[in-house]
Amino acid sequence: VGPCLRAGPLGEGYRVAHLILGALTLTAALLALRTLTGAATLSLDGHGAYAAGWLVATACSTAVLLLPGNLETRVVMSLAAGPVIGVVVHVTWIRRALNSRR
């Protein structure tokens, strides 16, 4: 199904390796996880931690994207590293907030 869906709107000349497409799908799931942890952070009044998670993730993604190397690899690593770092920031703050309420 994937090749047919890509060929329709993008034309027959557009090709993406299956591994890259799978990696991009995984990075989309990581972004969804960062969005969920961000919502959890906001629900505990962690507005500063929410912003910090997104800003640190953006800076990390930008830094990885600017590294030398193959473009496809840099894009996938950039899209994966940012959300992971953002989730770490959010989850760290959430754990501290929950522990302080005990």
N, C-alpha and C. Protein backbone atom coordinates (compact mmCIF):
# COMPACT_ATOMS: atom_id res chain seq x y z
N VAL A 1 0.83 -1.19 0.00
CA VAL A 1 0.00 0.00 0.00
C VAL A 1 0.87 1.25 0.00
N GLY A 2 1.96 1.25 0.74
CA GLY A 2 2.82 2.43 0.86
C GLY A 2 3.31 2.98 -0.46
N PRO A 3 3.91 2.12 -1.34
CA PRO A 3 4.40 2.65 -2.61
C PRO A 3 3.29 3.25 -3.47
N CYS A 4 2.11 2.67 -3.43
CA CYS A 4 1.00 3.21 -4.22
C CYS A 4 0.58 4.57 -3.69
N LEU A 5 0.53 4.72 -2.38
CA LEU A 5 0.14 6.00 -1.79
C LEU A 5 1.16 7.09 -2.06
N ARG A 6 2.44 6.74 -2.04
CA ARG A 6 3.48 7.73 -2.31
C ARG A 6 3.49 8.12 -3.78
N ALA A 7 3.29 7.16 -4.65
CA ALA A 7 3.37 7.43 -6.08
C ALA A 7 2.23 8.32 -6.56
N GLY A 8 1.07 8.21 -5.94
CA GLY A 8 -0.08 9.00 -6.37
C GLY A 8 0.16 10.50 -6.32
N PRO A 9 0.29 11.08 -5.14
CA PRO A 9 0.44 12.53 -5.06
C PRO A 9 1.84 13.04 -5.40
N LEU A 10 2.85 12.20 -5.26
CA LEU A 10 4.23 12.66 -5.43
C LEU A 10 4.85 12.28 -6.76
N GLY A 11 4.22 11.42 -7.53
CA GLY A 11 4.75 11.01 -8.82
C GLY A 11 5.61 9.76 -8.71
N GLU A 12 5.83 9.12 -9.82
CA GLU A 12 6.58 7.86 -9.86
C GLU A 12 8.06 8.04 -9.54
N GLY A 13 8.61 9.23 -9.76
CA GLY A 13 10.02 9.45 -9.54
C GLY A 13 10.41 9.57 -8.07
N TYR A 14 9.43 9.70 -7.20
CA TYR A 14 9.72 9.87 -5.78
C TYR A 14 9.93 8.51 -5.14
N ARG A 15 11.12 8.31 -4.57
CA ARG A 15 11.44 7.03 -3.93
C ARG A 15 12.05 7.28 -2.55
N VAL A 16 11.60 6.53 -1.58
CA VAL A 16 12.17 6.56 -0.24
C VAL A 16 12.42 5.12 0.17
N ALA A 17 13.60 4.87 0.70
CA ALA A 17 13.93 3.51 1.14
C ALA A 17 12.98 3.09 2.25
N HIS A 18 12.66 1.81 2.28
CA HIS A 18 11.73 1.30 3.28
C HIS A 18 12.23 1.55 4.70
N LEU A 19 13.53 1.40 4.90
CA LEU A 19 14.11 1.62 6.22
C LEU A 19 13.94 3.08 6.66
N ILE A 20 14.15 4.00 5.74
CA ILE A 20 13.98 5.42 6.06
C ILE A 20 12.52 5.72 6.37
N LEU A 21 11.63 5.18 5.58
CA LEU A 21 10.20 5.41 5.82
C LEU A 21 9.78 4.85 7.17
N GLY A 22 10.27 3.69 7.52
CA GLY A 22 9.98 3.10 8.83
C GLY A 22 10.55 3.95 9.96
N ALA A 23 11.77 4.45 9.76
CA ALA A 23 12.40 5.30 10.78
C ALA A 23 11.62 6.60 10.95
N LEU A 24 11.15 7.18 9.86
CA LEU A 24 10.36 8.41 9.95
C LEU A 24 9.03 8.15 10.67
N THR A 25 8.47 6.99 10.47
CA THR A 25 7.24 6.62 11.18
C THR A 25 7.51 6.50 12.68
N LEU A 26 8.62 5.90 13.04
CA LEU A 26 9.00 5.79 14.44
C LEU A 26 9.21 7.17 15.06
N THR A 27 9.85 8.08 14.33
CA THR A 27 10.07 9.42 14.88
C THR A 27 8.74 10.16 15.07
N ALA A 28 7.75 9.87 14.24
CA ALA A 28 6.43 10.47 14.44
C ALA A 28 5.82 9.98 15.74
N ALA A 29 6.03 8.71 16.06
CA ALA A 29 5.54 8.17 17.34
C ALA A 29 6.27 8.83 18.52
N LEU A 30 7.56 9.09 18.36
CA LEU A 30 8.31 9.77 19.42
C LEU A 30 7.79 11.19 19.64
N LEU A 31 7.44 11.87 18.55
CA LEU A 31 6.87 13.21 18.66
C LEU A 31 5.52 13.16 19.37
N ALA A 32 4.73 12.14 19.09
CA ALA A 32 3.45 11.97 19.78
C ALA A 32 3.68 11.76 21.27
N LEU A 33 4.70 10.99 21.63
CA LEU A 33 5.02 10.76 23.03
C LEU A 33 5.44 12.06 23.71
N ARG A 34 6.22 12.88 23.00
CA ARG A 34 6.63 14.17 23.58
C ARG A 34 5.41 15.06 23.76
N THR A 35 4.47 15.01 22.86
CA THR A 35 3.24 15.79 22.99
C THR A 35 2.45 15.34 24.21
N LEU A 36 2.36 14.03 24.42
CA LEU A 36 1.64 13.50 25.59
C LEU A 36 2.31 13.87 26.90
N THR A 37 3.64 13.75 26.95
CA THR A 37 4.33 14.12 28.19
C THR A 37 4.24 15.62 28.43
N GLY A 38 4.20 16.39 27.35
CA GLY A 38 4.01 17.82 27.49
C GLY A 38 2.66 18.16 28.09
N ALA A 39 1.62 17.47 27.63
CA ALA A 39 0.28 17.69 28.18
C ALA A 39 0.23 17.30 29.66
N ALA A 40 0.91 16.22 30.00
CA ALA A 40 0.95 15.80 31.41
C ALA A 40 1.69 16.83 32.25
N THR A 41 2.75 17.39 31.71
CA THR A 41 3.50 18.43 32.41
C THR A 41 2.62 19.66 32.65
N LEU A 42 1.88 20.06 31.63
CA LEU A 42 0.98 21.21 31.79
C LEU A 42 -0.12 20.93 32.80
N SER A 43 -0.60 19.71 32.83
CA SER A 43 -1.68 19.38 33.77
C SER A 43 -1.24 19.48 35.23
N LEU A 44 0.08 19.42 35.45
CA LEU A 44 0.63 19.56 36.80
C LEU A 44 1.18 20.98 37.02
N ASP A 45 0.75 21.92 36.19
CA ASP A 45 1.19 23.32 36.27
C ASP A 45 2.68 23.50 36.01
N GLY A 46 3.22 22.69 35.15
CA GLY A 46 4.64 22.79 34.83
C GLY A 46 4.87 23.54 33.53
N HIS A 47 4.41 24.77 33.48
CA HIS A 47 4.51 25.54 32.24
C HIS A 47 5.95 25.80 31.83
N GLY A 48 6.80 26.09 32.80
CA GLY A 48 8.21 26.30 32.50
C GLY A 48 8.89 25.03 32.01
N ALA A 49 8.57 23.91 32.64
CA ALA A 49 9.14 22.63 32.23
C ALA A 49 8.63 22.22 30.86
N TYR A 50 7.37 22.55 30.59
CA TYR A 50 6.79 22.26 29.26
C TYR A 50 7.57 23.01 28.19
N ALA A 51 7.76 24.31 28.40
CA ALA A 51 8.50 25.11 27.43
C ALA A 51 9.94 24.64 27.32
N ALA A 52 10.55 24.32 28.46
CA ALA A 52 11.94 23.85 28.45
C ALA A 52 12.08 22.57 27.64
N GLY A 53 11.12 21.65 27.80
CA GLY A 53 11.17 20.40 27.05
C GLY A 53 11.14 20.63 25.55
N TRP A 54 10.27 21.52 25.12
CA TRP A 54 10.18 21.81 23.68
C TRP A 54 11.38 22.59 23.19
N LEU A 55 11.87 23.55 23.97
CA LEU A 55 13.03 24.33 23.53
C LEU A 55 14.30 23.50 23.47
N VAL A 56 14.52 22.66 24.48
CA VAL A 56 15.69 21.79 24.48
C VAL A 56 15.60 20.79 23.32
N ALA A 57 14.41 20.27 23.08
CA ALA A 57 14.22 19.33 21.97
C ALA A 57 14.50 20.00 20.63
N THR A 58 14.03 21.23 20.47
CA THR A 58 14.26 21.96 19.22
C THR A 58 15.75 22.23 19.02
N ALA A 59 16.42 22.66 20.08
CA ALA A 59 17.86 22.92 19.98
C ALA A 59 18.63 21.64 19.66
N CYS A 60 18.25 20.54 20.28
CA CYS A 60 18.91 19.26 20.02
C CYS A 60 18.68 18.81 18.58
N SER A 61 17.46 18.92 18.12
CA SER A 61 17.15 18.54 16.74
C SER A 61 17.95 19.37 15.75
N THR A 62 18.03 20.66 16.01
CA THR A 62 18.78 21.55 15.12
C THR A 62 20.26 21.19 15.12
N ALA A 63 20.81 20.94 16.28
CA ALA A 63 22.23 20.59 16.38
C ALA A 63 22.53 19.30 15.64
N VAL A 64 21.70 18.30 15.80
CA VAL A 64 21.92 17.02 15.11
C VAL A 64 21.78 17.19 13.61
N LEU A 65 20.85 18.01 13.19
CA LEU A 65 20.63 18.24 11.75
C LEU A 65 21.85 18.91 11.11
N LEU A 66 22.56 19.71 11.87
CA LEU A 66 23.71 20.44 11.33
C LEU A 66 25.01 19.65 11.35
N LEU A 67 24.99 18.45 11.92
CA LEU A 67 26.18 17.61 11.93
C LEU A 67 26.52 17.16 10.52
N PRO A 68 27.80 16.85 10.27
CA PRO A 68 28.15 16.34 8.95
C PRO A 68 27.63 14.91 8.76
N GLY A 69 27.43 14.54 7.52
CA GLY A 69 27.01 13.17 7.22
C GLY A 69 25.91 13.12 6.19
N ASN A 70 25.41 11.93 5.98
CA ASN A 70 24.35 11.67 5.01
C ASN A 70 23.08 12.42 5.42
N LEU A 71 22.44 13.08 4.48
CA LEU A 71 21.26 13.87 4.78
C LEU A 71 20.13 13.03 5.38
N GLU A 72 19.86 11.87 4.79
CA GLU A 72 18.77 11.03 5.31
C GLU A 72 19.03 10.61 6.75
N THR A 73 20.26 10.24 7.04
CA THR A 73 20.61 9.83 8.40
C THR A 73 20.47 11.00 9.37
N ARG A 74 20.95 12.16 8.97
CA ARG A 74 20.86 13.33 9.84
C ARG A 74 19.40 13.72 10.11
N VAL A 75 18.56 13.63 9.09
CA VAL A 75 17.15 13.99 9.28
C VAL A 75 16.48 13.02 10.25
N VAL A 76 16.69 11.73 10.05
CA VAL A 76 16.07 10.75 10.94
C VAL A 76 16.59 10.90 12.37
N MET A 77 17.89 11.07 12.52
CA MET A 77 18.47 11.22 13.86
C MET A 77 17.99 12.52 14.51
N SER A 78 17.87 13.57 13.73
CA SER A 78 17.38 14.84 14.25
C SER A 78 15.94 14.72 14.73
N LEU A 79 15.11 14.07 13.93
CA LEU A 79 13.70 13.91 14.29
C LEU A 79 13.50 12.92 15.44
N ALA A 80 14.49 12.09 15.71
CA ALA A 80 14.39 11.16 16.84
C ALA A 80 14.98 11.75 18.12
N ALA A 81 16.13 12.42 17.99
CA ALA A 81 16.82 12.91 19.18
C ALA A 81 16.03 14.00 19.90
N GLY A 82 15.46 14.91 19.17
CA GLY A 82 14.71 16.00 19.79
C GLY A 82 13.56 15.51 20.67
N PRO A 83 12.66 14.70 20.13
CA PRO A 83 11.57 14.20 20.97
C PRO A 83 12.05 13.40 22.18
N VAL A 84 13.08 12.60 22.01
CA VAL A 84 13.57 11.80 23.15
C VAL A 84 14.08 12.73 24.26
N ILE A 85 14.85 13.75 23.90
CA ILE A 85 15.36 14.69 24.90
C ILE A 85 14.19 15.46 25.54
N GLY A 86 13.21 15.86 24.74
CA GLY A 86 12.05 16.55 25.28
C GLY A 86 11.27 15.68 26.26
N VAL A 87 11.11 14.41 25.94
CA VAL A 87 10.42 13.48 26.84
C VAL A 87 11.19 13.35 28.14
N VAL A 88 12.51 13.27 28.05
CA VAL A 88 13.33 13.16 29.27
C VAL A 88 13.13 14.38 30.15
N VAL A 89 13.11 15.57 29.57
CA VAL A 89 12.90 16.79 30.35
C VAL A 89 11.53 16.76 31.01
N HIS A 90 10.50 16.43 30.24
CA HIS A 90 9.14 16.40 30.78
C HIS A 90 8.98 15.35 31.88
N VAL A 91 9.45 14.15 31.62
CA VAL A 91 9.27 13.06 32.59
C VAL A 91 10.06 13.34 33.87
N THR A 92 11.25 13.91 33.73
CA THR A 92 12.04 14.26 34.91
C THR A 92 11.27 15.26 35.78
N TRP A 93 10.69 16.28 35.15
CA TRP A 93 9.93 17.26 35.91
C TRP A 93 8.67 16.63 36.52
N ILE A 94 7.99 15.79 35.77
CA ILE A 94 6.77 15.14 36.27
C ILE A 94 7.09 14.30 37.51
N ARG A 95 8.16 13.51 37.45
CA ARG A 95 8.54 12.68 38.60
C ARG A 95 8.84 13.54 39.83
N ARG A 96 9.58 14.63 39.62
CA ARG A 96 9.89 15.51 40.75
C ARG A 96 8.62 16.16 41.31
N ALA A 97 7.73 16.57 40.42
CA ALA A 97 6.49 17.21 40.88
C ALA A 97 5.63 16.23 41.67
N LEU A 98 5.54 15.00 41.20
CA LEU A 98 4.74 14.01 41.90
C LEU A 98 5.37 13.61 43.24
N ASN A 99 6.69 13.52 43.27
CA ASN A 99 7.37 13.20 44.53
C ASN A 99 7.23 14.32 45.56
N SER A 100 7.20 15.56 45.11
CA SER A 100 7.08 16.68 46.05
C SER A 100 5.68 16.80 46.62
N ARG A 101 4.70 16.17 46.00
CA ARG A 101 3.32 16.22 46.48
C ARG A 101 3.05 15.17 47.54
N ARG A 102 3.96 14.30 47.77
CA ARG A 102 3.76 13.22 48.76
C ARG A 102 4.01 13.69 50.15
